[in-house]
């Protein structure tokens, strides 16, 4: 890879040479037939990734824009939205919905834990909600949501299920054709960004709608949006030679190449790889006396939030890693200074993660803490080897 630093924050994530090469292709006009063909292929691959019977939307923007598109095209002014939040980014749906005069209620878990499904069920009995948002994996806490349990609880009430897959898509199963205990119980909307498990630079907002969600948009009539209105984008997604707003040509090149890599690996293999990476990294951190915020049974495969041992200075720790070319992220909100976040997703490899574990051990030792690097690397490798055997 051309990357000078080992970028192990929860996004952006490492970019491989094939994607850099695609990004550097000649910039062509957005209606040039050669670009149009690439865009068509990228959209088809997006449908293949999510296995949706509806439509996908790939536009210039971020995960936050994708969140906004998901909400404004399904929930109208004065309608009810329930937010299931497992951390900082789940909470982002609250002001977003309020900006569109949507009535929003929220169930917030304790950071590091999942929301109790029985509380979700009781809440849904008390009020009719148009939609419920689920953050599949929260970037702030490293907690993964239990879709197998939550989706049936939500769908039996008639509400739409909106899944925030920003730090999950292309790493954790988000098959929109999958049923959850009933033929009609499926994911209605999945949203994501380009820079995390998909493994390319930031800049694309990606949203997949099934037919039920598209019907909800139709029922709304006019919405309080222009750029975010999927009805303005639908003609382009069906025929990229048409124009609404200029697409980010070179990012589409990179996205097309990224999805080719994802689909060639295969989602089952890819999901198992991410699970192994997560377990391996957390096992290594535990051997250093560091505790993951999320217990193993609710921990995300894509990133981990790791609590510092007593006496470790956050700035000194992350600066020490950066001097070794390993970049991790600080924690958010009330955990700032008390933990760090490490991504293990997308194009990351066991060799990269082993290098990071080595560097973390060295920095801990420099800061006066006991760290058995050999033991930590062994713990990591055992999880990877077990995944290969399985």
Protein backbone atom coordinates (compact mmCIF):
# COMPACT_ATOMS: atom_id res chain seq x y z
CA UNK A 1 0.00 0.00 0.00
CA UNK A 2 1.03 3.61 -0.58
CA UNK A 3 -0.14 4.64 2.88
CA UNK A 4 2.65 6.01 5.08
CA UNK A 5 0.64 5.68 8.28
CA UNK A 6 -1.28 2.67 9.53
CA UNK A 7 -4.72 4.26 9.78
CA UNK A 8 -6.66 2.30 12.41
CA UNK A 9 -9.28 4.81 13.42
CA UNK A 10 -12.96 3.83 13.00
CA UNK A 11 -12.91 5.48 9.57
CA UNK A 12 -11.45 6.46 7.21
CA UNK A 13 -9.74 3.10 6.93
CA UNK A 14 -6.73 1.87 4.90
CA UNK A 15 -7.04 2.25 1.14
CA UNK A 16 -5.38 -0.35 -1.12
CA UNK A 17 -3.46 0.46 -4.30
CA UNK A 18 -6.18 -0.80 -6.64
CA UNK A 19 -8.58 1.76 -5.19
CA UNK A 20 -5.99 4.55 -5.34
CA UNK A 21 -5.38 3.65 -8.99
CA UNK A 22 -9.10 3.87 -9.72
CA UNK A 23 -9.34 7.21 -7.89
CA UNK A 24 -6.50 8.57 -10.06
CA UNK A 25 -8.13 7.71 -13.38
CA UNK A 26 -8.77 10.52 -15.83
CA UNK A 27 -11.66 12.73 -14.77
CA UNK A 28 -14.35 12.54 -17.41
CA UNK A 29 -17.60 14.35 -17.91
CA UNK A 30 -20.43 12.96 -15.82
CA UNK A 31 -22.43 12.17 -18.97
CA UNK A 32 -19.49 10.59 -20.81
CA UNK A 33 -20.61 7.07 -21.82
CA UNK A 34 -17.39 5.62 -20.35
CA UNK A 35 -18.16 7.09 -16.93
CA UNK A 36 -21.84 6.24 -17.18
CA UNK A 37 -20.93 2.59 -17.65
CA UNK A 38 -18.78 2.62 -14.49
CA UNK A 39 -21.56 4.31 -12.51
CA UNK A 40 -24.11 1.75 -13.72
CA UNK A 41 -21.83 -1.06 -12.61
CA UNK A 42 -21.26 0.56 -9.22
CA UNK A 43 -25.01 0.84 -8.66
CA UNK A 44 -25.56 -2.76 -9.69
CA UNK A 45 -22.85 -3.88 -7.27
CA UNK A 46 -24.51 -1.84 -4.52
CA UNK A 47 -27.76 -3.70 -5.12
CA UNK A 48 -25.83 -6.95 -4.98
CA UNK A 49 -24.20 -5.96 -1.69
CA UNK A 50 -27.54 -5.19 -0.01
CA UNK A 51 -29.69 -7.66 -1.96
CA UNK A 52 -32.53 -5.15 -2.12
CA UNK A 53 -35.70 -5.46 -4.21
CA UNK A 54 -35.92 -1.68 -4.33
CA UNK A 55 -33.47 1.06 -5.28
CA UNK A 56 -30.05 2.25 -4.17
CA UNK A 57 -28.78 5.83 -4.05
CA UNK A 58 -25.07 6.72 -4.27
CA UNK A 59 -24.41 10.46 -4.10
CA UNK A 60 -21.76 12.93 -3.00
CA UNK A 61 -22.01 13.26 0.76
CA UNK A 62 -21.30 11.56 4.07
CA UNK A 63 -22.88 9.06 6.42
CA UNK A 64 -24.74 11.92 8.10
CA UNK A 65 -26.30 12.89 4.77
CA UNK A 66 -27.28 9.24 4.27
CA UNK A 67 -28.98 9.33 7.70
CA UNK A 68 -30.88 12.45 6.66
CA UNK A 69 -31.95 10.89 3.35
CA UNK A 70 -33.21 7.80 5.15
CA UNK A 71 -35.37 9.82 7.56
CA UNK A 72 -36.75 12.61 5.36
CA UNK A 73 -37.88 10.14 2.69
CA UNK A 74 -39.78 7.85 5.05
CA UNK A 75 -41.09 9.88 8.01
CA UNK A 76 -43.21 12.98 7.54
CA UNK A 77 -43.69 16.13 9.56
CA UNK A 78 -45.59 15.34 12.76
CA UNK A 79 -45.11 11.57 12.44
CA UNK A 80 -43.41 9.49 15.12
CA UNK A 81 -39.87 8.13 14.99
CA UNK A 82 -38.27 5.89 17.62
CA UNK A 83 -34.49 5.99 17.89
CA UNK A 84 -32.63 3.02 19.39
CA UNK A 85 -29.26 4.43 20.41
CA UNK A 86 -26.18 2.53 21.52
CA UNK A 87 -23.99 5.63 21.67
CA UNK A 88 -23.02 9.00 20.24
CA UNK A 89 -23.97 8.29 16.64
CA UNK A 90 -27.31 6.72 17.48
CA UNK A 91 -28.13 9.98 19.27
CA UNK A 92 -27.43 11.92 16.06
CA UNK A 93 -30.81 10.81 14.71
CA UNK A 94 -32.53 12.94 17.40
CA UNK A 95 -31.62 16.48 16.23
CA UNK A 96 -31.79 15.29 12.64
CA UNK A 97 -35.43 14.26 13.04
CA UNK A 98 -36.25 17.38 15.04
CA UNK A 99 -34.94 19.55 12.18
CA UNK A 100 -37.78 18.17 10.05
CA UNK A 101 -40.44 18.56 12.74
CA UNK A 102 -40.66 14.82 13.27
CA UNK A 103 -41.78 13.67 16.72
CA UNK A 104 -38.86 11.66 18.06
CA UNK A 105 -38.53 9.39 21.07
CA UNK A 106 -35.29 7.71 22.04
CA UNK A 107 -34.22 4.63 23.95
CA UNK A 108 -30.58 4.95 24.98
CA UNK A 109 -28.53 2.06 26.27
CA UNK A 110 -25.77 2.40 28.81
CA UNK A 111 -22.59 2.90 26.80
CA UNK A 112 -21.03 -0.50 26.13
CA UNK A 113 -24.32 -2.38 26.39
CA UNK A 114 -27.27 -3.21 24.14
CA UNK A 115 -30.78 -1.89 24.63
CA UNK A 116 -33.04 -4.34 26.45
CA UNK A 117 -35.43 -5.73 23.77
CA UNK A 118 -38.27 -5.96 26.30
CA UNK A 119 -38.09 -2.17 26.77
CA UNK A 120 -38.28 -1.72 23.00
CA UNK A 121 -41.33 -3.97 22.86
CA UNK A 122 -43.09 -2.11 25.68
CA UNK A 123 -42.33 1.27 24.10
CA UNK A 124 -43.76 0.17 20.74
CA UNK A 125 -46.99 -0.89 22.47
CA UNK A 126 -47.58 2.61 23.84
CA UNK A 127 -47.41 4.56 20.57
CA UNK A 128 -47.59 3.97 16.82
CA UNK A 129 -44.27 4.77 15.16
CA UNK A 130 -43.74 5.32 11.45
CA UNK A 131 -40.16 4.05 11.67
CA UNK A 132 -37.50 2.86 14.11
CA UNK A 133 -33.78 3.50 13.64
CA UNK A 134 -31.13 0.98 14.66
CA UNK A 135 -27.43 1.78 14.61
CA UNK A 136 -26.03 -1.57 13.49
CA UNK A 137 -22.68 -0.83 15.11
CA UNK A 138 -22.02 2.40 16.98
CA UNK A 139 -18.71 4.06 16.13
CA UNK A 140 -18.40 5.58 19.60
CA UNK A 141 -18.90 2.46 21.71
CA UNK A 142 -18.09 -0.55 19.54
CA UNK A 143 -21.46 -2.13 20.36
CA UNK A 144 -23.27 -4.16 17.68
CA UNK A 145 -27.08 -4.34 17.59
CA UNK A 146 -28.99 -7.63 17.69
CA UNK A 147 -31.04 -7.39 14.49
CA UNK A 148 -32.29 -10.96 14.87
CA UNK A 149 -34.16 -9.92 18.02
CA UNK A 150 -35.02 -6.30 17.26
CA UNK A 151 -36.34 -6.55 13.69
CA UNK A 152 -39.30 -8.88 14.48
CA UNK A 153 -40.26 -6.77 17.51
CA UNK A 154 -40.38 -3.67 15.32
CA UNK A 155 -41.91 -5.13 12.18
CA UNK A 156 -44.88 -6.72 13.92
CA UNK A 157 -46.04 -3.17 14.75
CA UNK A 158 -45.94 -2.11 11.10
CA UNK A 159 -43.06 0.33 11.57
CA UNK A 160 -40.26 0.66 9.05
CA UNK A 161 -36.80 -0.57 10.10
CA UNK A 162 -34.03 1.91 9.25
CA UNK A 163 -30.52 0.53 9.79
CA UNK A 164 -27.51 2.81 10.15
CA UNK A 165 -24.78 0.67 8.65
CA UNK A 166 -22.07 3.33 8.51
CA UNK A 167 -19.57 1.21 10.45
CA UNK A 168 -21.14 -2.14 9.56
CA UNK A 169 -21.92 -2.28 5.82
CA UNK A 170 -19.62 -4.62 3.85
CA UNK A 171 -18.47 -6.24 7.10
CA UNK A 172 -21.65 -7.41 8.85
CA UNK A 173 -24.66 -9.05 7.19
CA UNK A 174 -27.20 -6.48 5.96
CA UNK A 175 -29.01 -8.62 3.40
CA UNK A 176 -32.28 -6.81 2.71
CA UNK A 177 -33.88 -9.89 1.16
CA UNK A 178 -33.42 -11.81 4.41
CA UNK A 179 -36.52 -12.44 6.51
CA UNK A 180 -36.64 -12.27 10.30
CA UNK A 181 -39.20 -14.87 11.31
CA UNK A 182 -41.92 -13.74 8.86
CA UNK A 183 -41.93 -13.17 5.07
CA UNK A 184 -42.66 -9.46 5.56
CA UNK A 185 -40.11 -8.84 8.31
CA UNK A 186 -37.14 -7.35 6.48
CA UNK A 187 -34.80 -4.36 6.67
CA UNK A 188 -36.50 -1.47 4.89
CA UNK A 189 -33.66 1.05 4.64
CA UNK A 190 -29.91 0.58 5.07
CA UNK A 191 -27.61 3.60 4.96
CA UNK A 192 -23.84 3.89 5.01
CA UNK A 193 -20.77 5.87 3.96
CA UNK A 194 -17.83 4.97 1.76
CA UNK A 195 -14.90 5.31 4.15
CA UNK A 196 -15.26 2.52 6.68
CA UNK A 197 -15.66 -1.20 5.94
CA UNK A 198 -16.12 -0.47 2.23
CA UNK A 199 -12.53 0.72 2.39
CA UNK A 200 -12.29 3.79 0.16
CA UNK A 201 -11.84 7.52 0.87
CA UNK A 202 -14.69 9.56 2.38
CA UNK A 203 -17.17 11.35 0.17
CA UNK A 204 -20.11 9.10 -0.72
CA UNK A 205 -23.49 8.74 0.96
CA UNK A 206 -25.08 5.37 0.17
CA UNK A 207 -28.69 4.45 0.93
CA UNK A 208 -30.69 1.36 -0.05
CA UNK A 209 -34.51 1.38 0.05
CA UNK A 210 -36.71 -1.68 -0.34
CA UNK A 211 -40.11 -1.50 -2.06
CA UNK A 212 -41.91 -0.87 1.23
CA UNK A 213 -39.70 2.13 1.97
CA UNK A 214 -40.13 3.45 -1.58
CA UNK A 215 -43.91 3.21 -1.14
CA UNK A 216 -43.58 5.20 2.09
CA UNK A 217 -41.76 7.94 0.17
CA UNK A 218 -44.51 7.97 -2.45
CA UNK A 219 -47.16 8.29 0.24
CA UNK A 220 -45.45 11.35 1.75
CA UNK A 221 -45.94 13.44 -1.39
CA UNK A 222 -43.76 16.55 -1.15
CA UNK A 223 -40.96 16.42 1.44
CA UNK A 224 -38.98 19.19 3.15
CA UNK A 225 -35.85 18.54 1.15
CA UNK A 226 -34.34 19.05 -2.28
CA UNK A 227 -30.87 17.49 -2.51
CA UNK A 228 -31.97 14.76 -0.07
CA UNK A 229 -35.21 13.94 -1.88
CA UNK A 230 -34.78 10.51 -3.45
CA UNK A 231 -37.43 11.35 -6.06
CA UNK A 232 -34.96 13.85 -7.54
CA UNK A 233 -32.26 11.18 -7.63
CA UNK A 234 -34.34 8.22 -8.80
CA UNK A 235 -34.08 8.98 -12.56
CA UNK A 236 -30.28 9.21 -12.27
CA UNK A 237 -29.95 5.99 -10.29
CA UNK A 238 -31.96 4.23 -13.00
CA UNK A 239 -30.05 5.93 -15.82
CA UNK A 240 -26.77 7.64 -14.79
CA UNK A 241 -26.55 9.43 -18.14
CA UNK A 242 -29.27 11.77 -16.85
CA UNK A 243 -28.52 14.82 -14.70
CA UNK A 244 -29.68 16.19 -11.36
CA UNK A 245 -26.43 17.17 -9.62
CA UNK A 246 -22.88 16.44 -10.70
CA UNK A 247 -21.67 13.10 -9.33
CA UNK A 248 -18.16 12.84 -7.81
CA UNK A 249 -16.68 11.12 -10.85
CA UNK A 250 -13.40 9.92 -9.38
CA UNK A 251 -15.01 8.75 -6.16
CA UNK A 252 -17.41 6.65 -8.23
CA UNK A 253 -14.40 5.06 -9.95
CA UNK A 254 -12.96 4.22 -6.53
CA UNK A 255 -16.30 2.99 -5.19
CA UNK A 256 -16.78 0.67 -8.15
CA UNK A 257 -13.35 -0.85 -7.51
CA UNK A 258 -14.00 -1.10 -3.76
CA UNK A 259 -17.23 -3.03 -4.27
CA UNK A 260 -15.49 -5.33 -6.71
CA UNK A 261 -13.02 -6.21 -3.95
CA UNK A 262 -15.83 -6.68 -1.40
CA UNK A 263 -17.96 -8.90 -3.62
CA UNK A 264 -15.02 -10.95 -4.88
CA UNK A 265 -14.14 -11.82 -1.29
CA UNK A 266 -17.77 -12.72 -0.53
CA UNK A 267 -19.84 -11.49 2.38
CA UNK A 268 -19.75 -14.67 4.45
CA UNK A 269 -15.95 -14.87 4.30
CA UNK A 270 -15.71 -11.14 4.87
CA UNK A 271 -17.98 -11.23 7.91
CA UNK A 272 -16.03 -14.11 9.46
CA UNK A 273 -12.77 -12.24 8.86
CA UNK A 274 -14.03 -9.15 10.64
CA UNK A 275 -15.32 -11.19 13.58
CA UNK A 276 -11.88 -12.80 13.94
CA UNK A 277 -10.11 -9.43 13.74
CA UNK A 278 -12.31 -7.97 16.46
CA UNK A 279 -11.92 -10.91 18.80
CA UNK A 280 -8.17 -11.01 18.19
CA UNK A 281 -7.60 -7.31 18.85
CA UNK A 282 -9.69 -7.37 22.02
CA UNK A 283 -7.93 -10.52 23.26
CA UNK A 284 -4.59 -8.78 22.76
CA UNK A 285 -5.76 -5.66 24.59
CA UNK A 286 -7.04 -7.73 27.52
CA UNK A 287 -3.63 -9.35 27.80
CA UNK A 288 -2.23 -5.81 28.25
CA UNK A 289 -4.66 -5.18 31.11
CA UNK A 290 -6.93 -3.03 28.96
CA UNK A 291 -10.69 -3.64 29.06
CA UNK A 292 -12.93 -3.34 25.98
CA UNK A 293 -15.96 -1.16 26.71
CA UNK A 294 -18.28 -3.73 25.12
CA UNK A 295 -18.36 -7.29 26.41
CA UNK A 296 -17.52 -9.89 23.80
CA UNK A 297 -21.12 -11.00 23.24
CA UNK A 298 -22.15 -7.47 22.14
CA UNK A 299 -18.87 -6.28 20.61
CA UNK A 300 -18.80 -5.09 16.99
CA UNK A 301 -16.56 -6.89 14.49
CA UNK A 302 -15.44 -3.60 12.93
CA UNK A 303 -14.05 -1.49 15.78
CA UNK A 304 -13.38 -1.59 19.50
CA UNK A 305 -13.44 1.03 22.24
CA UNK A 306 -10.67 0.17 24.72
CA UNK A 307 -10.54 1.58 28.26
CA UNK A 308 -7.11 2.63 29.53
CA UNK A 309 -5.53 1.08 32.61
CA UNK A 310 -5.18 3.41 35.57
CA UNK A 311 -2.56 6.08 34.95
CA UNK A 312 -2.31 5.98 31.15
CA UNK A 313 -2.40 9.45 29.62
CA UNK A 314 -4.51 9.53 26.46
CA UNK A 315 -2.49 12.17 24.61
CA UNK A 316 0.87 10.54 25.46
CA UNK A 317 -0.45 7.12 24.45
CA UNK A 318 -1.85 8.15 21.08
CA UNK A 319 1.12 10.41 20.35
CA UNK A 320 3.48 7.51 21.07
CA UNK A 321 1.58 5.35 18.61
CA UNK A 322 1.52 8.11 15.99
CA UNK A 323 5.31 8.45 16.23
CA UNK A 324 5.42 4.78 15.21
CA UNK A 325 3.08 5.36 12.31
CA UNK A 326 0.02 3.83 14.00
CA UNK A 327 -3.02 6.11 14.17
CA UNK A 328 -5.90 5.33 16.55
CA UNK A 329 -8.80 7.54 17.64
CA UNK A 330 -9.68 9.09 20.96
CA UNK A 331 -12.95 8.29 22.70
CA UNK A 332 -16.01 10.53 22.58
CA UNK A 333 -18.26 12.34 25.05
CA UNK A 334 -17.79 11.28 28.70
CA UNK A 335 -15.16 8.69 27.70
CA UNK A 336 -12.81 11.30 26.19
CA UNK A 337 -9.36 10.80 27.69
CA UNK A 338 -10.39 7.51 29.30
CA UNK A 339 -10.30 5.22 26.26
CA UNK A 340 -9.19 4.93 22.66
CA UNK A 341 -10.93 3.48 19.62
CA UNK A 342 -9.29 1.17 17.13
CA UNK A 343 -10.73 0.15 13.78
CA UNK A 344 -10.16 -3.35 12.42
CA UNK A 345 -12.20 -3.33 9.24
CA UNK A 346 -12.22 -3.01 5.49
CA UNK A 347 -8.80 -3.51 3.89
CA UNK A 348 -6.95 -4.06 7.16
CA UNK A 349 -4.88 -7.25 7.35
CA UNK A 350 -3.61 -9.45 10.21
CA UNK A 351 -0.13 -8.07 9.57
CA UNK A 352 -1.34 -4.50 10.10
CA UNK A 353 -3.11 -5.38 13.31
CA UNK A 354 -0.13 -7.33 14.61
CA UNK A 355 2.04 -4.27 13.98
CA UNK A 356 -0.44 -2.15 15.93
CA UNK A 357 -0.49 -4.59 18.84
CA UNK A 358 3.33 -4.53 18.93
CA UNK A 359 3.34 -0.71 18.93
CA UNK A 360 0.67 -0.51 21.64
CA UNK A 361 2.75 -2.78 23.86
CA UNK A 362 5.88 -0.69 23.28
CA UNK A 363 4.10 2.56 24.12
CA UNK A 364 2.59 1.07 27.29
CA UNK A 365 6.06 -0.01 28.37
CA UNK A 366 7.43 3.49 27.67
CA UNK A 367 4.67 4.91 29.86
CA UNK A 368 5.70 2.64 32.73
CA UNK A 369 3.10 -0.12 32.37
CA UNK A 370 3.71 -3.84 32.17
CA UNK A 371 2.97 -5.19 28.69
CA UNK A 372 3.84 -8.69 27.52
CA UNK A 373 3.97 -8.12 23.76
CA UNK A 374 4.66 -11.74 22.89
CA UNK A 375 1.62 -12.86 24.89
CA UNK A 376 -0.59 -10.23 23.26
CA UNK A 377 0.43 -11.18 19.73
CA UNK A 378 -0.09 -14.84 20.55
CA UNK A 379 -3.63 -14.09 21.79
CA UNK A 380 -4.35 -12.23 18.56
CA UNK A 381 -2.98 -14.98 16.34
CA UNK A 382 -4.92 -17.68 18.14
CA UNK A 383 -8.21 -15.96 17.27
CA UNK A 384 -7.17 -15.55 13.63
CA UNK A 385 -6.04 -19.17 13.36
CA UNK A 386 -9.25 -20.41 14.94
CA UNK A 387 -11.27 -18.45 12.38
CA UNK A 388 -9.25 -20.01 9.54
CA UNK A 389 -9.89 -23.52 10.95
CA UNK A 390 -13.61 -22.82 11.16
